[in-house]
Structures are given as C-alpha cells and as structure tokens.
C-alpha atoms as a PDB file:
ATOM      1  CA  MET A   1      14.507  12.113 -20.885  1.00  0.00           C
ATOM      2  CA  THR A   2      11.920   9.576 -22.420  1.00  0.00           C
ATOM      3  CA  THR A   3       8.322   8.604 -20.701  1.00  0.00           C
ATOM      4  CA  ASN A   4       7.267   5.278 -20.574  1.00  0.00           C
ATOM      5  CA  LYS A   5       3.724   5.017 -21.668  1.00  0.00           C
ATOM      6  CA  LEU A   6       3.081   1.716 -20.003  1.00  0.00           C
ATOM      7  CA  LEU A   7       4.047   2.899 -16.606  1.00  0.00           C
ATOM      8  CA  PRO A   8       0.596   4.212 -15.364  1.00  0.00           C
ATOM      9  CA  TYR A   9      -0.321   0.425 -16.141  1.00  0.00           C
ATOM     10  CA  GLY A  10       2.485  -1.137 -14.284  1.00  0.00           C
ATOM     11  CA  LEU A  11       1.470   0.886 -11.140  1.00  0.00           C
ATOM     12  CA  THR A  12      -1.782  -0.304 -11.206  1.00  0.00           C
ATOM     13  CA  LEU A  13      -0.736  -3.683 -11.593  1.00  0.00           C
ATOM     14  CA  ILE A  14       1.489  -3.413  -8.630  1.00  0.00           C
ATOM     15  CA  ARG A  15      -1.241  -1.290  -6.817  1.00  0.00           C
ATOM     16  CA  VAL A  16      -4.242  -3.670  -7.351  1.00  0.00           C
ATOM     17  CA  ILE A  17      -2.086  -6.784  -6.565  1.00  0.00           C
ATOM     18  CA  VAL A  18      -0.647  -5.097  -3.333  1.00  0.00           C
ATOM     19  CA  GLY A  19      -4.244  -4.260  -2.397  1.00  0.00           C
ATOM     20  CA  ILE A  20      -5.639  -7.753  -3.028  1.00  0.00           C
ATOM     21  CA  VAL A  21      -2.770  -9.110  -0.519  1.00  0.00           C
ATOM     22  CA  PHE A  22      -3.571  -6.602   2.131  1.00  0.00           C
ATOM     23  CA  LEU A  23      -7.527  -7.163   1.593  1.00  0.00           C
ATOM     24  CA  ALA A  24      -7.067 -11.108   2.100  1.00  0.00           C
ATOM     25  CA  HIS A  25      -4.801 -10.587   5.435  1.00  0.00           C
ATOM     26  CA  GLY A  26      -7.141  -7.921   6.962  1.00  0.00           C
ATOM     27  CA  TYR A  27     -10.169 -10.386   6.121  1.00  0.00           C
ATOM     28  CA  GLN A  28      -8.170 -13.439   7.767  1.00  0.00           C
ATOM     29  CA  LYS A  29      -7.412 -11.092  10.589  1.00  0.00           C
ATOM     30  CA  LEU A  30     -11.196  -9.769  11.166  1.00  0.00           C
ATOM     31  CA  PHE A  31     -12.872 -12.785  10.111  1.00  0.00           C
ATOM     32  CA  THR A  32     -10.743 -15.952  10.682  1.00  0.00           C
ATOM     33  CA  VAL A  33      -8.284 -15.559  13.339  1.00  0.00           C
ATOM     34  CA  GLY A  34      -9.977 -12.754  14.954  1.00  0.00           C
ATOM     35  CA  ILE A  35      -9.076  -9.423  16.828  1.00  0.00           C
ATOM     36  CA  GLY A  36      -8.491 -11.679  19.976  1.00  0.00           C
ATOM     37  CA  GLY A  37      -6.107 -14.187  18.457  1.00  0.00           C
ATOM     38  CA  ILE A  38      -4.206 -11.071  16.627  1.00  0.00           C
ATOM     39  CA  ALA A  39      -4.097  -9.540  19.834  1.00  0.00           C
ATOM     40  CA  ALA A  40      -2.662 -12.204  21.664  1.00  0.00           C
ATOM     41  CA  GLY A  41       0.149 -12.459  19.215  1.00  0.00           C
ATOM     42  CA  MET A  42       1.097  -8.822  19.622  1.00  0.00           C
ATOM     43  CA  GLY A  43       1.019  -9.217  23.389  1.00  0.00           C
ATOM     44  CA  GLN A  44       3.563 -11.823  23.007  1.00  0.00           C
ATOM     45  CA  ILE A  45       5.994  -9.733  21.017  1.00  0.00           C
ATOM     46  CA  GLY A  46       5.505  -6.822  23.524  1.00  0.00           C
ATOM     47  CA  LEU A  47       3.726  -4.618  21.104  1.00  0.00           C
ATOM     48  CA  PRO A  48       1.727  -1.685  23.370  1.00  0.00           C
ATOM     49  CA  LEU A  49      -2.340  -2.082  23.738  1.00  0.00           C
ATOM     50  CA  PRO A  50      -2.405  -5.352  21.988  1.00  0.00           C
ATOM     51  CA  TYR A  51      -6.212  -5.403  21.484  1.00  0.00           C
ATOM     52  CA  VAL A  52      -6.247  -1.634  20.053  1.00  0.00           C
ATOM     53  CA  SER A  53      -3.016  -2.540  17.851  1.00  0.00           C
ATOM     54  CA  ALA A  54      -4.698  -5.478  16.487  1.00  0.00           C
ATOM     55  CA  THR A  55      -7.919  -3.543  15.633  1.00  0.00           C
ATOM     56  CA  LEU A  56      -6.029  -0.990  14.141  1.00  0.00           C
ATOM     57  CA  LEU A  57      -3.591  -3.204  11.960  1.00  0.00           C
ATOM     58  CA  SER A  58      -6.688  -5.305  10.615  1.00  0.00           C
ATOM     59  CA  LEU A  59      -8.920  -2.406   9.701  1.00  0.00           C
ATOM     60  CA  THR A  60      -5.805  -0.466   8.177  1.00  0.00           C
ATOM     61  CA  GLU A  61      -4.917  -3.909   6.269  1.00  0.00           C
ATOM     62  CA  PHE A  62      -8.803  -4.566   5.297  1.00  0.00           C
ATOM     63  CA  LEU A  63      -9.809  -0.999   4.254  1.00  0.00           C
ATOM     64  CA  GLY A  64      -6.298   0.109   2.976  1.00  0.00           C
ATOM     65  CA  GLY A  65      -6.414  -3.011   0.749  1.00  0.00           C
ATOM     66  CA  LEU A  66      -9.887  -1.982  -0.483  1.00  0.00           C
ATOM     67  CA  ALA A  67      -8.961   1.334  -1.071  1.00  0.00           C
ATOM     68  CA  LEU A  68      -5.666   0.218  -3.028  1.00  0.00           C
ATOM     69  CA  ILE A  69      -7.899  -2.358  -5.239  1.00  0.00           C
ATOM     70  CA  LEU A  70      -9.833   0.934  -6.156  1.00  0.00           C
ATOM     71  CA  GLY A  71      -7.362   3.165  -6.449  1.00  0.00           C
ATOM     72  CA  LEU A  72      -9.225   5.619  -3.893  1.00  0.00           C
ATOM     73  CA  GLY A  73      -6.840   7.658  -1.921  1.00  0.00           C
ATOM     74  CA  THR A  74      -3.978   5.454  -2.916  1.00  0.00           C
ATOM     75  CA  ARG A  75      -1.305   7.656  -1.198  1.00  0.00           C
ATOM     76  CA  LEU A  76      -3.322   8.019   1.806  1.00  0.00           C
ATOM     77  CA  ALA A  77      -4.188   4.552   2.377  1.00  0.00           C
ATOM     78  CA  ALA A  78      -0.912   3.159   1.291  1.00  0.00           C
ATOM     79  CA  ALA A  79       1.009   5.303   4.079  1.00  0.00           C
ATOM     80  CA  PRO A  80      -0.652   3.234   7.076  1.00  0.00           C
ATOM     81  CA  LEU A  81      -0.020   0.278   5.173  1.00  0.00           C
ATOM     82  CA  ALA A  82       3.515   1.188   4.905  1.00  0.00           C
ATOM     83  CA  PHE A  83       3.835   1.844   8.652  1.00  0.00           C
ATOM     84  CA  ALA A  84       2.413  -1.276   9.594  1.00  0.00           C
ATOM     85  CA  MET A  85       4.857  -3.188   7.414  1.00  0.00           C
ATOM     86  CA  LEU A  86       7.816  -0.789   8.830  1.00  0.00           C
ATOM     87  CA  VAL A  87       6.821  -2.288  12.392  1.00  0.00           C
ATOM     88  CA  ALA A  88       6.135  -6.099  11.170  1.00  0.00           C
ATOM     89  CA  THR A  89       9.909  -5.658   9.080  1.00  0.00           C
ATOM     90  CA  THR A  90      11.508  -4.542  12.578  1.00  0.00           C
ATOM     91  CA  VAL A  91       9.352  -5.841  15.247  1.00  0.00           C
ATOM     92  CA  ALA A  92       7.854  -9.217  14.346  1.00  0.00           C
ATOM     93  CA  HIS A  93      10.203 -10.399  11.879  1.00  0.00           C
ATOM     94  CA  GLY A  94      13.387  -8.532  12.359  1.00  0.00           C
ATOM     95  CA  ALA A  95      14.934 -10.996  14.675  1.00  0.00           C
ATOM     96  CA  GLY A  96      14.018 -13.963  12.383  1.00  0.00           C
ATOM     97  CA  GLY A  97      16.656 -12.934   9.345  1.00  0.00           C
ATOM     98  CA  PHE A  98      15.887 -12.131   6.144  1.00  0.00           C
ATOM     99  CA  PHE A  99      14.447 -15.034   4.573  1.00  0.00           C
ATOM    100  CA  LEU A 100      10.627 -16.314   5.363  1.00  0.00           C
ATOM    101  CA  PRO A 101       9.336 -18.466   7.004  1.00  0.00           C
ATOM    102  CA  THR A 102      10.237 -16.072  10.257  1.00  0.00           C
ATOM    103  CA  GLY A 103      12.282 -13.365   8.308  1.00  0.00           C
ATOM    104  CA  PHE A 104      11.239  -9.801   7.143  1.00  0.00           C
ATOM    105  CA  GLU A 105      11.716 -10.431   3.222  1.00  0.00           C
ATOM    106  CA  TYR A 106       7.896 -10.353   2.704  1.00  0.00           C
ATOM    107  CA  ALA A 107       7.164  -7.512   5.006  1.00  0.00           C
ATOM    108  CA  LEU A 108       9.973  -5.515   3.535  1.00  0.00           C
ATOM    109  CA  THR A 109       8.632  -6.089   0.139  1.00  0.00           C
ATOM    110  CA  LEU A 110       5.315  -4.821   1.139  1.00  0.00           C
ATOM    111  CA  LEU A 111       6.811  -1.798   2.614  1.00  0.00           C
ATOM    112  CA  THR A 112       8.855  -0.899  -0.206  1.00  0.00           C
ATOM    113  CA  LEU A 113       5.789  -1.178  -2.763  1.00  0.00           C
ATOM    114  CA  ASN A 114       3.688   0.814  -0.737  1.00  0.00           C
ATOM    115  CA  LEU A 115       6.489   3.411  -0.174  1.00  0.00           C
ATOM    116  CA  ALA A 116       6.354   3.537  -4.143  1.00  0.00           C
ATOM    117  CA  LEU A 117       2.700   3.940  -4.242  1.00  0.00           C
ATOM    118  CA  ILE A 118       3.054   6.895  -2.063  1.00  0.00           C
ATOM    119  CA  LEU A 119       5.602   8.372  -4.179  1.00  0.00           C
ATOM    120  CA  THR A 120       4.354   7.474  -7.700  1.00  0.00           C
ATOM    121  CA  GLY A 121       0.288   7.512  -7.191  1.00  0.00           C
ATOM    122  CA  PRO A 122      -1.939   5.039  -8.359  1.00  0.00           C
ATOM    123  CA  GLY A 123      -1.264   4.734 -11.926  1.00  0.00           C
ATOM    124  CA  ALA A 124      -4.307   3.987 -14.483  1.00  0.00           C
ATOM    125  CA  PHE A 125      -7.774   2.683 -13.791  1.00  0.00           C
ATOM    126  CA  ALA A 126      -8.141   4.454 -10.333  1.00  0.00           C
ATOM    127  CA  LEU A 127     -10.927   5.960  -8.714  1.00  0.00           C
ATOM    128  CA  ASP A 128      -8.462   8.724  -7.809  1.00  0.00           C
ATOM    129  CA  ASN A 129      -7.948   9.870 -11.468  1.00  0.00           C
ATOM    130  CA  VAL A 130     -11.792   9.825 -12.096  1.00  0.00           C
ATOM    131  CA  ILE A 131     -12.867  11.961  -9.219  1.00  0.00           C
ATOM    132  CA  GLY A 132      -9.665  14.672  -9.464  1.00  0.00           C
ATOM    133  CA  ALA A 133      -7.920  13.974  -6.091  1.00  0.00           C
ATOM    134  CA  THR A 134      -6.477  17.324  -4.867  1.00  0.00           C
ATOM    135  CA  SER A 135      -3.447  18.301  -6.682  1.00  0.00           C
ATOM    136  CA  ALA A 136      -1.030  17.529  -3.584  1.00  0.00           C
ATOM    137  CA  LEU A 137      -2.348  13.715  -3.941  1.00  0.00           C
ATOM    138  CA  ARG A 138      -2.802  13.407  -7.918  1.00  0.00           C
ATOM    139  CA  THR A 139      -0.702  11.553  -9.667  1.00  0.00           C
ATOM    140  CA  PRO A 140       1.341  13.791 -12.329  1.00  0.00           C
ATOM    141  CA  ASP A 141       1.021  13.370 -15.887  1.00  0.00           C
ATOM    142  CA  ILE A 142       3.951  11.355 -16.443  1.00  0.00           C
ATOM    143  CA  SER A 143       2.512   9.884 -19.904  1.00  0.00           C
ATOM    144  CA  GLY A 144       3.272  12.617 -22.070  1.00  0.00           C
ATOM    145  CA  ALA A 145      -0.294  12.617 -23.255  1.00  0.00           C
ATOM    146  CA  GLY A 146      -1.304  15.645 -21.391  1.00  0.00           C
ATOM    147  CA  VAL A 147       1.387  17.758 -23.034  1.00  0.00           C
ATOM    148  CA  ARG A 148       0.496  19.446 -26.129  1.00  0.00           C
ATOM    149  CA  PRO A 149       3.555  20.141 -28.482  1.00  0.00           C
ATOM    150  CA  GLN A 150       4.292  23.828 -29.368  1.00  0.00           C
ATOM    151  CA  GLN A 151       3.547  25.332 -32.342  1.00  0.00           C
ATOM    152  CA  GLN A 152       6.201  27.145 -34.012  1.00  0.00           C
ATOM    153  CA  THR A 153       5.415  30.573 -35.251  1.00  0.00           C
ATOM    154  CA  ALA A 154       7.221  32.013 -38.474  1.00  0.00           C
END
C-alpha cells in the first residue's frame, strides 16, 4: 500500500473551506437574521424547542466553523456539525428533493465532509497537531514521515 504525501494537505483544504462555510452561516444566523428569525423558521418546520434549537445551531455553526478553520478539536467540532447537517438533510430539506434550492444536496455534502473529518482528522497545519491532541483524537501519521526504515543487521 502506498501513501499519498499530499493527503494531509487535501484534508487541510477540506477542513478550512468547510470551516469557512460554517463560520459564515453561523455568523449570518447570529448577527444578520438573528436567533429569533432562525427560531421562527425552525418552528414552522416542526422542530422542538425552536429558540433553544436555533441558539444551539447558530453557536455550533459559528464556533464549530472557527474550530475547523484553526484545526482545533477537529473531530470534536465536526461531530455536532455533522449532526446539524443530518437534521438539515432529513428534516429541513428532505421533502424538497435532491437538488437546490429546496433540496438536500448541499446539506448532504456538508454532512459527508464532516463525517470524513471525523474519520481522518485535521490534516496538516492544524492546532491539533501543534498541541498534541489526545491519541483518541489525534490524526494518525499516514504520510510515512514518522516511520523509520529498519536497518538490516549482517
């Protein structure tokens, strides 16, 4: 099996772009539309406790997006974002078909990307790598750089 030395950089690209998308959506929910406007929409589609749900979703998207951009707690940040996109895919957009503007394709894509980040970790250029996240949350060395060739003895 060969390793792809560019894989950590590809993961970084995915992590940062997905983080920007969530940070922007969370910002919009918090500071443009407002929690009340988001709660009204959630109430219309039948989500329970719409004000609480709107607050949790807005903060999850804003703070989770920031965490992904920084690569800080990547797997922990991606999990609630994936859950939010699961709800968006099934509840908010499920009846709208596959294609946008009413369909679930965008939410499904974000769900899948967050699941990929949970499985793979942050890639390169992440604070997780600098601070030495716990082994359960740390990205395994897939580059081969940390593996030393064995020396043969005569």
